[in-house]
Amino acid sequence: MNAQRPLALTMGDPAGIGGELSLKAWKARRGGRPFVALDDPDRLAGIAKSLGLDVPIRAVNAAGAAGAVFREALPVLPIKLGAPPAPGRADPANAHAVIASIEQATKLTMAGEAAAVVTNPIHKSTLYGIGFAYPGHTEFLAALTGSPLPVMMLASPDLRVVPITVHASLRRMLEMITIERITSVCRVTAAALRQHWGIAAPRLAIAGLNPHAGEDGTMGEEEIAIIRPAIDILRAEGMNVTGPWAADSMFTPEARAGYDVAMGMYHDQALIPLKTLDMRRGVNTTLGLPIIRTSPDHGTAFAIAGQGIADASSLIAAIDLASDLARRQETTP
């Protein structure tokens, strides 16, 4: 069907909706780049049968075999589970398989056998129980690829956002906000927008930390002591950077027209606006890696697992974005 390198799609937590999403994404294929699931073929076949999804499953022994079967069946590189999964009930016995799926997808992409990694949602606390030492996918992929500064971006058709700090408590986040961190994350973001999105001069809007961006120091001094000096450094390097913006007004339609990405100081400040505007088409992508990685912007949804009602829109958007980024990478000299 297609000589293109496939995308490597991980299983996510087998008790969640990842398997259902993978099946629905295959059914929604539009003749584009194939993907290969790193999963348990029997698990996927069982989900397809229980939900009445007409998705043939075909085990393959190499990523490169995906293209030949993708039109007729979902190709699967087998990952053996530790125990039969039950919808909605995470099982530590399957944690090693979840991790192995991510590791193998990353290895295939680093080796050039796959074009990108697309990850289904994981249940982090289950992985922590077997010694998983990373806050989430972003940090784990950075370790697997030897990347010093992974950066999380969420993107939808109307908005891109990057949190300067990610999976940290608000108290810990205050300690992490430094001039060096802001400038480093902004540099990685701008470089990725140039390289992968083809934006020659990216416009970065940097949020303040405090209400009204500190109101000249009356509501907090971080803008004066940390954020504005970071902006000055970036501007001196020739970057198109504005701010600090008051976070409560920087996501209006008029404001969004003035920048290519909004840089939030912490996780919820950046992600709440995007998920409110377009949860269905939001995509999580990791910048600063030597490989392309995308993911849906939601979690495992244990409460609806096994019911056949999960919306695959975000995973389909993640697959489409990974395909687009891979195509641009492959065609850019």
C-alpha atoms as a PDB file:
ATOM      1  CA  MET A   1       0.000   0.000   0.000  1.00  0.00           C
ATOM      2  CA  ASN A   2       2.616   2.516   1.069  1.00  0.00           C
ATOM      3  CA  ALA A   3       6.405   2.453   1.079  1.00  0.00           C
ATOM      4  CA  GLN A   4       6.585   5.106   3.778  1.00  0.00           C
ATOM      5  CA  ARG A   5       8.056   4.240   7.136  1.00  0.00           C
ATOM      6  CA  PRO A   6       5.174   3.593   9.535  1.00  0.00           C
ATOM      7  CA  LEU A   7       4.389   5.362  12.764  1.00  0.00           C
ATOM      8  CA  ALA A   8       4.987   3.311  15.929  1.00  0.00           C
ATOM      9  CA  LEU A   9       1.837   3.352  18.099  1.00  0.00           C
ATOM     10  CA  THR A  10       2.234   2.263  21.729  1.00  0.00           C
ATOM     11  CA  MET A  11      -0.376   0.303  23.699  1.00  0.00           C
ATOM     12  CA  GLY A  12      -0.847   2.663  26.661  1.00  0.00           C
ATOM     13  CA  ASP A  13      -2.356   1.131  29.782  1.00  0.00           C
ATOM     14  CA  PRO A  14      -4.207  -2.018  28.660  1.00  0.00           C
ATOM     15  CA  ALA A  15      -6.989  -1.350  31.191  1.00  0.00           C
ATOM     16  CA  GLY A  16      -7.735   2.017  29.584  1.00  0.00           C
ATOM     17  CA  ILE A  17      -9.175   3.148  26.267  1.00  0.00           C
ATOM     18  CA  GLY A  18      -5.934   2.948  24.268  1.00  0.00           C
ATOM     19  CA  GLY A  19      -6.776  -0.317  22.529  1.00  0.00           C
ATOM     20  CA  GLU A  20     -10.212   0.930  21.501  1.00  0.00           C
ATOM     21  CA  LEU A  21      -8.679   4.150  20.206  1.00  0.00           C
ATOM     22  CA  SER A  22      -6.093   2.241  18.171  1.00  0.00           C
ATOM     23  CA  LEU A  23      -8.818   0.162  16.528  1.00  0.00           C
ATOM     24  CA  LYS A  24     -10.961   3.199  15.776  1.00  0.00           C
ATOM     25  CA  ALA A  25      -7.961   5.078  14.389  1.00  0.00           C
ATOM     26  CA  TRP A  26      -7.310   2.220  11.966  1.00  0.00           C
ATOM     27  CA  LYS A  27     -10.955   2.253  10.872  1.00  0.00           C
ATOM     28  CA  ALA A  28     -10.668   6.004  10.268  1.00  0.00           C
ATOM     29  CA  ARG A  29      -7.560   5.646   8.085  1.00  0.00           C
ATOM     30  CA  ARG A  30      -7.679   7.948   5.106  1.00  0.00           C
ATOM     31  CA  GLY A  31      -5.017   6.458   2.875  1.00  0.00           C
ATOM     32  CA  GLY A  32      -2.156   8.238   4.611  1.00  0.00           C
ATOM     33  CA  ARG A  33       0.910   6.948   6.391  1.00  0.00           C
ATOM     34  CA  PRO A  34       0.449   3.490   7.964  1.00  0.00           C
ATOM     35  CA  PHE A  35       1.019   2.831  11.637  1.00  0.00           C
ATOM     36  CA  VAL A  36       2.002  -0.306  13.505  1.00  0.00           C
ATOM     37  CA  ALA A  37       0.690  -1.038  16.994  1.00  0.00           C
ATOM     38  CA  LEU A  38       3.141  -2.295  19.611  1.00  0.00           C
ATOM     39  CA  ASP A  39       0.605  -4.298  21.543  1.00  0.00           C
ATOM     40  CA  ASP A  40      -0.809  -7.717  22.299  1.00  0.00           C
ATOM     41  CA  PRO A  41      -2.601  -8.978  19.142  1.00  0.00           C
ATOM     42  CA  ASP A  42      -4.985 -11.167  21.133  1.00  0.00           C
ATOM     43  CA  ARG A  43      -5.925  -8.230  23.369  1.00  0.00           C
ATOM     44  CA  LEU A  44      -6.757  -6.041  20.371  1.00  0.00           C
ATOM     45  CA  ALA A  45      -8.685  -8.828  18.672  1.00  0.00           C
ATOM     46  CA  GLY A  46     -10.669  -9.344  21.871  1.00  0.00           C
ATOM     47  CA  ILE A  47     -11.530  -5.655  22.133  1.00  0.00           C
ATOM     48  CA  ALA A  48     -12.592  -5.556  18.488  1.00  0.00           C
ATOM     49  CA  LYS A  49     -14.858  -8.557  19.020  1.00  0.00           C
ATOM     50  CA  SER A  50     -16.411  -7.306  22.262  1.00  0.00           C
ATOM     51  CA  LEU A  51     -17.130  -3.857  20.819  1.00  0.00           C
ATOM     52  CA  GLY A  52     -18.269  -5.077  17.403  1.00  0.00           C
ATOM     53  CA  LEU A  53     -15.480  -3.258  15.568  1.00  0.00           C
ATOM     54  CA  ASP A  54     -14.636  -4.778  12.196  1.00  0.00           C
ATOM     55  CA  VAL A  55     -10.852  -4.534  12.497  1.00  0.00           C
ATOM     56  CA  PRO A  56      -8.769  -7.516  11.359  1.00  0.00           C
ATOM     57  CA  ILE A  57      -5.545  -7.901  13.341  1.00  0.00           C
ATOM     58  CA  ARG A  58      -2.319  -9.040  11.688  1.00  0.00           C
ATOM     59  CA  ALA A  59       0.835  -9.800  13.683  1.00  0.00           C
ATOM     60  CA  VAL A  60       4.037  -8.715  11.909  1.00  0.00           C
ATOM     61  CA  ASN A  61       7.665  -9.355  12.760  1.00  0.00           C
ATOM     62  CA  ALA A  62       9.080  -5.977  11.669  1.00  0.00           C
ATOM     63  CA  ALA A  63       7.886  -2.395  11.455  1.00  0.00           C
ATOM     64  CA  GLY A  64       8.646  -2.347   7.754  1.00  0.00           C
ATOM     65  CA  ALA A  65       6.003  -4.993   7.136  1.00  0.00           C
ATOM     66  CA  ALA A  66       3.204  -2.663   8.253  1.00  0.00           C
ATOM     67  CA  GLY A  67       2.688  -0.942   4.928  1.00  0.00           C
ATOM     68  CA  ALA A  68       1.966  -4.161   3.063  1.00  0.00           C
ATOM     69  CA  VAL A  69      -0.926  -5.130   5.342  1.00  0.00           C
ATOM     70  CA  PHE A  70      -2.241  -1.789   6.586  1.00  0.00           C
ATOM     71  CA  ARG A  71      -5.003  -1.450   4.031  1.00  0.00           C
ATOM     72  CA  GLU A  72      -6.526  -4.801   4.995  1.00  0.00           C
ATOM     73  CA  ALA A  73      -5.613  -5.182   8.677  1.00  0.00           C
ATOM     74  CA  LEU A  74      -4.116  -3.428  11.683  1.00  0.00           C
ATOM     75  CA  PRO A  75      -0.464  -4.531  11.836  1.00  0.00           C
ATOM     76  CA  VAL A  76       0.777  -5.391  15.326  1.00  0.00           C
ATOM     77  CA  LEU A  77       4.298  -5.964  16.605  1.00  0.00           C
ATOM     78  CA  PRO A  78       3.537  -8.312  19.504  1.00  0.00           C
ATOM     79  CA  ILE A  79       4.152  -7.257  23.113  1.00  0.00           C
ATOM     80  CA  LYS A  80       3.278  -9.975  25.629  1.00  0.00           C
ATOM     81  CA  LEU A  81       1.088  -8.947  28.556  1.00  0.00           C
ATOM     82  CA  GLY A  82       1.685 -10.230  32.065  1.00  0.00           C
ATOM     83  CA  ALA A  83      -2.000 -10.858  32.800  1.00  0.00           C
ATOM     84  CA  PRO A  84      -5.362 -10.620  31.009  1.00  0.00           C
ATOM     85  CA  PRO A  85      -6.456  -6.962  31.318  1.00  0.00           C
ATOM     86  CA  ALA A  86      -9.789  -5.936  32.822  1.00  0.00           C
ATOM     87  CA  PRO A  87     -11.308  -2.664  31.549  1.00  0.00           C
ATOM     88  CA  GLY A  88     -10.984   0.102  34.100  1.00  0.00           C
ATOM     89  CA  ARG A  89      -8.743  -1.823  36.492  1.00  0.00           C
ATOM     90  CA  ALA A  90      -5.042  -1.146  36.167  1.00  0.00           C
ATOM     91  CA  ASP A  91      -2.903  -4.200  36.862  1.00  0.00           C
ATOM     92  CA  PRO A  92       0.768  -3.890  37.903  1.00  0.00           C
ATOM     93  CA  ALA A  93       1.351  -7.252  36.205  1.00  0.00           C
ATOM     94  CA  ASN A  94       1.086  -5.430  32.864  1.00  0.00           C
ATOM     95  CA  ALA A  95       3.282  -2.465  33.750  1.00  0.00           C
ATOM     96  CA  HIS A  96       6.407  -4.012  32.241  1.00  0.00           C
ATOM     97  CA  ALA A  97       4.592  -4.538  28.931  1.00  0.00           C
ATOM     98  CA  VAL A  98       3.483  -0.886  28.895  1.00  0.00           C
ATOM     99  CA  ILE A  99       7.064   0.242  29.384  1.00  0.00           C
ATOM    100  CA  ALA A 100       8.380  -2.246  26.813  1.00  0.00           C
ATOM    101  CA  SER A 101       5.955  -0.879  24.229  1.00  0.00           C
ATOM    102  CA  ILE A 102       7.319   2.654  24.697  1.00  0.00           C
ATOM    103  CA  GLU A 103      10.915   1.447  24.669  1.00  0.00           C
ATOM    104  CA  GLN A 104      10.472  -0.572  21.479  1.00  0.00           C
ATOM    105  CA  ALA A 105       8.630   2.230  19.678  1.00  0.00           C
ATOM    106  CA  THR A 106      11.414   4.637  20.587  1.00  0.00           C
ATOM    107  CA  LYS A 107      14.117   2.186  19.519  1.00  0.00           C
ATOM    108  CA  LEU A 108      12.447   1.625  16.138  1.00  0.00           C
ATOM    109  CA  THR A 109      12.170   5.356  15.537  1.00  0.00           C
ATOM    110  CA  MET A 110      15.727   6.090  16.649  1.00  0.00           C
ATOM    111  CA  ALA A 111      16.898   3.377  14.229  1.00  0.00           C
ATOM    112  CA  GLY A 112      14.925   4.901  11.354  1.00  0.00           C
ATOM    113  CA  GLU A 113      12.603   1.900  11.014  1.00  0.00           C
ATOM    114  CA  ALA A 114       9.625   3.978  12.139  1.00  0.00           C
ATOM    115  CA  ALA A 115       8.967   7.614  11.269  1.00  0.00           C
ATOM    116  CA  ALA A 116       7.621   8.742  14.655  1.00  0.00           C
ATOM    117  CA  VAL A 117       6.283   7.566  17.994  1.00  0.00           C
ATOM    118  CA  VAL A 118       2.604   8.025  18.841  1.00  0.00           C
ATOM    119  CA  THR A 119       1.793   7.138  22.446  1.00  0.00           C
ATOM    120  CA  ASN A 120      -1.494   5.995  23.919  1.00  0.00           C
ATOM    121  CA  PRO A 121      -2.234   7.176  27.492  1.00  0.00           C
ATOM    122  CA  ILE A 122      -0.492   5.494  30.428  1.00  0.00           C
ATOM    123  CA  HIS A 123      -1.483   5.235  34.094  1.00  0.00           C
ATOM    124  CA  LYS A 124       1.581   6.644  35.819  1.00  0.00           C
ATOM    125  CA  SER A 125       0.890   5.482  39.371  1.00  0.00           C
ATOM    126  CA  THR A 126       0.715   1.854  38.200  1.00  0.00           C
ATOM    127  CA  LEU A 127       4.150   2.219  36.630  1.00  0.00           C
ATOM    128  CA  TYR A 128       5.547   3.917  39.734  1.00  0.00           C
ATOM    129  CA  GLY A 129       4.622   0.779  41.658  1.00  0.00           C
ATOM    130  CA  ILE A 130       7.234  -1.259  39.765  1.00  0.00           C
ATOM    131  CA  GLY A 131       9.955   1.372  40.070  1.00  0.00           C
ATOM    132  CA  PHE A 132       9.272   3.583  37.037  1.00  0.00           C
ATOM    133  CA  ALA A 133      11.357   6.648  37.864  1.00  0.00           C
ATOM    134  CA  TYR A 134       9.900   9.268  35.501  1.00  0.00           C
ATOM    135  CA  PRO A 135       7.013  11.716  35.978  1.00  0.00           C
ATOM    136  CA  GLY A 136       5.575  10.730  32.603  1.00  0.00           C
ATOM    137  CA  HIS A 137       6.128   9.997  28.914  1.00  0.00           C
ATOM    138  CA  THR A 138       8.005  13.253  28.284  1.00  0.00           C
ATOM    139  CA  GLU A 139      10.772  12.596  30.774  1.00  0.00           C
ATOM    140  CA  PHE A 140      11.006   8.880  29.937  1.00  0.00           C
ATOM    141  CA  LEU A 141      11.414   9.577  26.224  1.00  0.00           C
ATOM    142  CA  ALA A 142      14.097  12.143  27.034  1.00  0.00           C
ATOM    143  CA  ALA A 143      16.033   9.501  28.974  1.00  0.00           C
ATOM    144  CA  LEU A 144      15.612   6.912  26.210  1.00  0.00           C
ATOM    145  CA  THR A 145      16.902   9.330  23.575  1.00  0.00           C
ATOM    146  CA  GLY A 146      19.559  11.098  25.658  1.00  0.00           C
ATOM    147  CA  SER A 147      17.840  14.465  25.369  1.00  0.00           C
ATOM    148  CA  PRO A 148      18.791  17.077  28.003  1.00  0.00           C
ATOM    149  CA  LEU A 149      15.672  19.259  27.853  1.00  0.00           C
ATOM    150  CA  PRO A 150      12.395  17.747  26.661  1.00  0.00           C
ATOM    151  CA  VAL A 151       9.619  20.295  26.192  1.00  0.00           C
ATOM    152  CA  MET A 152       5.901  19.547  26.191  1.00  0.00           C
ATOM    153  CA  MET A 153       3.773  21.309  23.589  1.00  0.00           C
ATOM    154  CA  LEU A 154       0.043  20.880  23.177  1.00  0.00           C
ATOM    155  CA  ALA A 155      -1.270  21.923  19.787  1.00  0.00           C
ATOM    156  CA  SER A 156      -4.694  22.281  18.216  1.00  0.00           C
ATOM    157  CA  PRO A 157      -5.759  24.038  15.023  1.00  0.00           C
ATOM    158  CA  ASP A 158      -6.344  27.283  16.953  1.00  0.00           C
ATOM    159  CA  LEU A 159      -3.695  27.302  19.668  1.00  0.00           C
ATOM    160  CA  ARG A 160      -0.267  26.000  20.671  1.00  0.00           C
ATOM    161  CA  VAL A 161       0.847  26.078  24.297  1.00  0.00           C
ATOM    162  CA  VAL A 162       4.035  25.168  26.138  1.00  0.00           C
ATOM    163  CA  PRO A 163       4.303  24.999  29.946  1.00  0.00           C
ATOM    164  CA  ILE A 164       7.683  26.158  31.235  1.00  0.00           C
ATOM    165  CA  THR A 165       7.305  23.703  34.127  1.00  0.00           C
ATOM    166  CA  VAL A 166       5.258  20.529  33.713  1.00  0.00           C
ATOM    167  CA  HIS A 167       4.545  17.781  36.246  1.00  0.00           C
ATOM    168  CA  ALA A 168       5.321  19.627  39.464  1.00  0.00           C
ATOM    169  CA  SER A 169       3.290  20.930  42.385  1.00  0.00           C
ATOM    170  CA  LEU A 170       2.638  24.672  42.502  1.00  0.00           C
ATOM    171  CA  ARG A 171       5.043  25.009  45.432  1.00  0.00           C
ATOM    172  CA  ARG A 172       7.788  23.140  43.553  1.00  0.00           C
ATOM    173  CA  MET A 173       7.011  25.058  40.377  1.00  0.00           C
ATOM    174  CA  LEU A 174       7.890  28.352  42.069  1.00  0.00           C
ATOM    175  CA  GLU A 175      11.371  26.996  42.773  1.00  0.00           C
ATOM    176  CA  MET A 176      11.752  25.813  39.176  1.00  0.00           C
ATOM    177  CA  ILE A 177      10.907  29.131  37.499  1.00  0.00           C
ATOM    178  CA  THR A 178      14.292  30.685  36.718  1.00  0.00           C
ATOM    179  CA  ILE A 179      15.710  32.923  34.029  1.00  0.00           C
ATOM    180  CA  GLU A 180      17.745  30.000  32.703  1.00  0.00           C
ATOM    181  CA  ARG A 181      14.749  27.648  32.513  1.00  0.00           C
ATOM    182  CA  ILE A 182      12.542  30.166  30.738  1.00  0.00           C
ATOM    183  CA  THR A 183      15.184  31.009  28.156  1.00  0.00           C
ATOM    184  CA  SER A 184      16.120  27.362  27.583  1.00  0.00           C
ATOM    185  CA  VAL A 185      12.520  26.179  27.069  1.00  0.00           C
ATOM    186  CA  CYS A 186      11.805  29.114  24.747  1.00  0.00           C
ATOM    187  CA  ARG A 187      14.877  28.332  22.633  1.00  0.00           C
ATOM    188  CA  VAL A 188      13.863  24.678  22.234  1.00  0.00           C
ATOM    189  CA  THR A 189      10.320  25.733  21.346  1.00  0.00           C
ATOM    190  CA  ALA A 190      11.387  28.287  18.749  1.00  0.00           C
ATOM    191  CA  ALA A 191      13.826  25.844  17.160  1.00  0.00           C
ATOM    192  CA  ALA A 192      11.113  23.168  16.877  1.00  0.00           C
ATOM    193  CA  LEU A 193       8.629  25.597  15.319  1.00  0.00           C
ATOM    194  CA  ARG A 194      11.237  26.528  12.721  1.00  0.00           C
ATOM    195  CA  GLN A 195      12.356  22.964  12.015  1.00  0.00           C
ATOM    196  CA  HIS A 196       9.116  20.987  12.204  1.00  0.00           C
ATOM    197  CA  TRP A 197       6.363  23.528  11.588  1.00  0.00           C
ATOM    198  CA  GLY A 198       8.195  25.622   9.008  1.00  0.00           C
ATOM    199  CA  ILE A 199       7.649  28.920  10.868  1.00  0.00           C
ATOM    200  CA  ALA A 200      10.664  31.033   9.947  1.00  0.00           C
ATOM    201  CA  ALA A 201      10.354  33.567  12.774  1.00  0.00           C
ATOM    202  CA  PRO A 202       8.206  32.096  15.557  1.00  0.00           C
ATOM    203  CA  ARG A 203       6.284  34.532  17.764  1.00  0.00           C
ATOM    204  CA  LEU A 204       6.361  33.521  21.426  1.00  0.00           C
ATOM    205  CA  ALA A 205       3.970  35.067  23.956  1.00  0.00           C
ATOM    206  CA  ILE A 206       5.226  34.576  27.513  1.00  0.00           C
ATOM    207  CA  ALA A 207       2.697  34.568  30.344  1.00  0.00           C
ATOM    208  CA  GLY A 208       3.240  36.207  33.669  1.00  0.00           C
ATOM    209  CA  LEU A 209       3.080  34.135  36.828  1.00  0.00           C
ATOM    210  CA  ASN A 210       0.970  36.342  39.059  1.00  0.00           C
ATOM    211  CA  PRO A 211      -2.455  37.975  38.576  1.00  0.00           C
ATOM    212  CA  HIS A 212      -2.263  40.841  36.064  1.00  0.00           C
ATOM    213  CA  ALA A 213       1.337  39.796  35.361  1.00  0.00           C
ATOM    214  CA  GLY A 214       2.321  41.134  38.781  1.00  0.00           C
ATOM    215  CA  GLU A 215       0.797  44.604  38.335  1.00  0.00           C
ATOM    216  CA  ASP A 216       4.233  46.279  38.405  1.00  0.00           C
ATOM    217  CA  GLY A 217       5.289  44.314  41.449  1.00  0.00           C
ATOM    218  CA  THR A 218       2.221  44.963  43.587  1.00  0.00           C
ATOM    219  CA  MET A 219       0.916  41.400  43.113  1.00  0.00           C
ATOM    220  CA  GLY A 220       4.229  39.592  42.938  1.00  0.00           C
ATOM    221  CA  GLU A 221       7.791  40.282  41.869  1.00  0.00           C
ATOM    222  CA  GLU A 222       8.589  37.252  39.691  1.00  0.00           C
ATOM    223  CA  GLU A 223       7.766  39.191  36.521  1.00  0.00           C
ATOM    224  CA  ILE A 224      10.288  41.900  37.419  1.00  0.00           C
ATOM    225  CA  ALA A 225      13.010  39.665  38.846  1.00  0.00           C
ATOM    226  CA  ILE A 226      12.791  36.635  36.545  1.00  0.00           C
ATOM    227  CA  ILE A 227      10.409  36.772  33.590  1.00  0.00           C
ATOM    228  CA  ARG A 228      11.254  40.194  32.142  1.00  0.00           C
ATOM    229  CA  PRO A 229      15.027  39.589  32.332  1.00  0.00           C
ATOM    230  CA  ALA A 230      14.502  36.295  30.493  1.00  0.00           C
ATOM    231  CA  ILE A 231      12.502  38.088  27.804  1.00  0.00           C
ATOM    232  CA  ASP A 232      15.256  40.693  27.446  1.00  0.00           C
ATOM    233  CA  ILE A 233      17.856  37.944  26.910  1.00  0.00           C
ATOM    234  CA  LEU A 234      15.735  36.237  24.246  1.00  0.00           C
ATOM    235  CA  ARG A 235      15.058  39.520  22.445  1.00  0.00           C
ATOM    236  CA  ALA A 236      18.776  40.293  22.450  1.00  0.00           C
ATOM    237  CA  GLU A 237      19.272  36.955  20.673  1.00  0.00           C
ATOM    238  CA  GLY A 238      16.874  38.088  17.947  1.00  0.00           C
ATOM    239  CA  MET A 239      13.811  36.096  19.038  1.00  0.00           C
ATOM    240  CA  ASN A 240      10.317  37.503  18.562  1.00  0.00           C
ATOM    241  CA  VAL A 241       9.131  37.374  22.162  1.00  0.00           C
ATOM    242  CA  THR A 242       6.402  39.372  23.911  1.00  0.00           C
ATOM    243  CA  GLY A 243       5.288  39.560  27.525  1.00  0.00           C
ATOM    244  CA  PRO A 244       4.857  39.051  30.300  1.00  0.00           C
ATOM    245  CA  TRP A 245       1.189  38.737  29.419  1.00  0.00           C
ATOM    246  CA  ALA A 246      -1.629  38.653  31.952  1.00  0.00           C
ATOM    247  CA  ALA A 247      -2.655  35.004  31.664  1.00  0.00           C
ATOM    248  CA  ASP A 248      -6.358  35.743  32.070  1.00  0.00           C
ATOM    249  CA  SER A 249      -6.495  37.738  28.829  1.00  0.00           C
ATOM    250  CA  MET A 250      -3.888  36.186  26.538  1.00  0.00           C
ATOM    251  CA  PHE A 251      -6.139  33.452  25.134  1.00  0.00           C
ATOM    252  CA  THR A 252      -8.883  35.540  23.556  1.00  0.00           C
ATOM    253  CA  PRO A 253      -9.271  35.192  19.758  1.00  0.00           C
ATOM    254  CA  GLU A 254      -7.749  38.636  19.258  1.00  0.00           C
ATOM    255  CA  ALA A 255      -4.753  37.875  21.468  1.00  0.00           C
ATOM    256  CA  ARG A 256      -4.129  34.453  19.886  1.00  0.00           C
ATOM    257  CA  ALA A 257      -3.825  36.074  16.467  1.00  0.00           C
ATOM    258  CA  GLY A 258      -0.665  37.829  17.663  1.00  0.00           C
ATOM    259  CA  TYR A 259       1.503  34.808  18.484  1.00  0.00           C
ATOM    260  CA  ASP A 260       2.407  31.303  17.312  1.00  0.00           C
ATOM    261  CA  VAL A 261       2.748  29.739  20.762  1.00  0.00           C
ATOM    262  CA  ALA A 262       1.799  30.713  24.293  1.00  0.00           C
ATOM    263  CA  MET A 263       4.410  29.972  26.953  1.00  0.00           C
ATOM    264  CA  GLY A 264       2.727  29.297  30.314  1.00  0.00           C
ATOM    265  CA  MET A 265       4.640  29.285  33.558  1.00  0.00           C
ATOM    266  CA  TYR A 266       3.051  26.054  34.804  1.00  0.00           C
ATOM    267  CA  HIS A 267       1.037  23.054  33.635  1.00  0.00           C
ATOM    268  CA  ASP A 268      -2.554  24.174  34.171  1.00  0.00           C
ATOM    269  CA  GLN A 269      -1.961  27.774  33.130  1.00  0.00           C
ATOM    270  CA  ALA A 270      -1.024  26.522  29.670  1.00  0.00           C
ATOM    271  CA  LEU A 271      -3.151  23.394  29.265  1.00  0.00           C
ATOM    272  CA  ILE A 272      -6.541  24.520  30.578  1.00  0.00           C
ATOM    273  CA  PRO A 273      -7.071  27.063  27.751  1.00  0.00           C
ATOM    274  CA  LEU A 274      -6.179  24.570  25.017  1.00  0.00           C
ATOM    275  CA  LYS A 275      -8.279  21.751  26.424  1.00  0.00           C
ATOM    276  CA  THR A 276     -11.202  24.113  26.926  1.00  0.00           C
ATOM    277  CA  LEU A 277     -10.982  25.413  23.362  1.00  0.00           C
ATOM    278  CA  ASP A 278     -10.497  22.079  21.598  1.00  0.00           C
ATOM    279  CA  MET A 279     -10.127  18.919  23.675  1.00  0.00           C
ATOM    280  CA  ARG A 280     -11.091  16.673  20.756  1.00  0.00           C
ATOM    281  CA  ARG A 281      -8.302  17.801  18.429  1.00  0.00           C
ATOM    282  CA  GLY A 282      -5.604  18.662  20.950  1.00  0.00           C
ATOM    283  CA  VAL A 283      -2.297  16.843  20.498  1.00  0.00           C
ATOM    284  CA  ASN A 284       0.594  16.517  22.918  1.00  0.00           C
ATOM    285  CA  THR A 285       3.976  16.577  21.205  1.00  0.00           C
ATOM    286  CA  THR A 286       7.432  16.475  22.772  1.00  0.00           C
ATOM    287  CA  LEU A 287       9.958  19.019  21.510  1.00  0.00           C
ATOM    288  CA  GLY A 288      13.697  18.767  21.987  1.00  0.00           C
ATOM    289  CA  LEU A 289      13.961  15.070  21.081  1.00  0.00           C
ATOM    290  CA  PRO A 290      15.868  13.616  18.109  1.00  0.00           C
ATOM    291  CA  ILE A 291      12.622  11.863  17.129  1.00  0.00           C
ATOM    292  CA  ILE A 292       9.014  12.940  16.570  1.00  0.00           C
ATOM    293  CA  ARG A 293       6.569  12.029  19.323  1.00  0.00           C
ATOM    294  CA  THR A 294       2.885  12.874  19.581  1.00  0.00           C
ATOM    295  CA  SER A 295       0.044  11.742  21.823  1.00  0.00           C
ATOM    296  CA  PRO A 296      -3.627  12.455  22.486  1.00  0.00           C
ATOM    297  CA  ASP A 297      -4.111  15.147  25.124  1.00  0.00           C
ATOM    298  CA  HIS A 298      -6.238  13.030  27.488  1.00  0.00           C
ATOM    299  CA  GLY A 299      -5.702  10.167  29.903  1.00  0.00           C
ATOM    300  CA  THR A 300      -6.622   6.505  30.193  1.00  0.00           C
ATOM    301  CA  ALA A 301     -10.339   7.181  30.877  1.00  0.00           C
ATOM    302  CA  PHE A 302     -10.772   4.061  33.002  1.00  0.00           C
ATOM    303  CA  ALA A 303     -14.379   5.037  33.756  1.00  0.00           C
ATOM    304  CA  ILE A 304     -15.464   4.388  30.157  1.00  0.00           C
ATOM    305  CA  ALA A 305     -12.982   1.675  29.159  1.00  0.00           C
ATOM    306  CA  GLY A 306     -14.580  -1.314  27.473  1.00  0.00           C
ATOM    307  CA  GLN A 307     -17.844   0.474  26.697  1.00  0.00           C
ATOM    308  CA  GLY A 308     -17.153   1.401  23.080  1.00  0.00           C
ATOM    309  CA  ILE A 309     -17.867   5.101  23.605  1.00  0.00           C
ATOM    310  CA  ALA A 310     -14.333   6.502  23.688  1.00  0.00           C
ATOM    311  CA  ASP A 311     -13.738   9.337  21.215  1.00  0.00           C
ATOM    312  CA  ALA A 312     -10.682   8.649  19.051  1.00  0.00           C
ATOM    313  CA  SER A 313     -10.488  12.198  17.655  1.00  0.00           C
ATOM    314  CA  SER A 314      -7.437  13.233  19.670  1.00  0.00           C
ATOM    315  CA  LEU A 315      -5.489  10.062  18.806  1.00  0.00           C
ATOM    316  CA  ILE A 316      -6.400  10.471  15.137  1.00  0.00           C
ATOM    317  CA  ALA A 317      -5.207  14.095  15.342  1.00  0.00           C
ATOM    318  CA  ALA A 318      -1.967  12.871  16.958  1.00  0.00           C
ATOM    319  CA  ILE A 319      -1.441  10.374  14.140  1.00  0.00           C
ATOM    320  CA  ASP A 320      -2.151  13.031  11.530  1.00  0.00           C
ATOM    321  CA  LEU A 321       0.265  15.502  13.156  1.00  0.00           C
ATOM    322  CA  ALA A 322       3.000  12.878  13.459  1.00  0.00           C
ATOM    323  CA  SER A 323       2.505  12.055   9.769  1.00  0.00           C
ATOM    324  CA  ASP A 324       2.727  15.720   8.781  1.00  0.00           C
ATOM    325  CA  LEU A 325       5.853  16.340  10.867  1.00  0.00           C
ATOM    326  CA  ALA A 326       7.499  13.192   9.512  1.00  0.00           C
ATOM    327  CA  ARG A 327       6.709  14.207   5.938  1.00  0.00           C
ATOM    328  CA  ARG A 328       8.209  17.668   6.503  1.00  0.00           C
ATOM    329  CA  GLN A 329      11.296  16.111   8.090  1.00  0.00           C
ATOM    330  CA  GLU A 330      11.717  13.682   5.207  1.00  0.00           C
ATOM    331  CA  THR A 331      11.337  16.334   2.516  1.00  0.00           C
ATOM    332  CA  THR A 332      13.373  19.138   4.096  1.00  0.00           C
ATOM    333  CA  PRO A 333      17.003  19.170   2.937  1.00  0.00           C
END
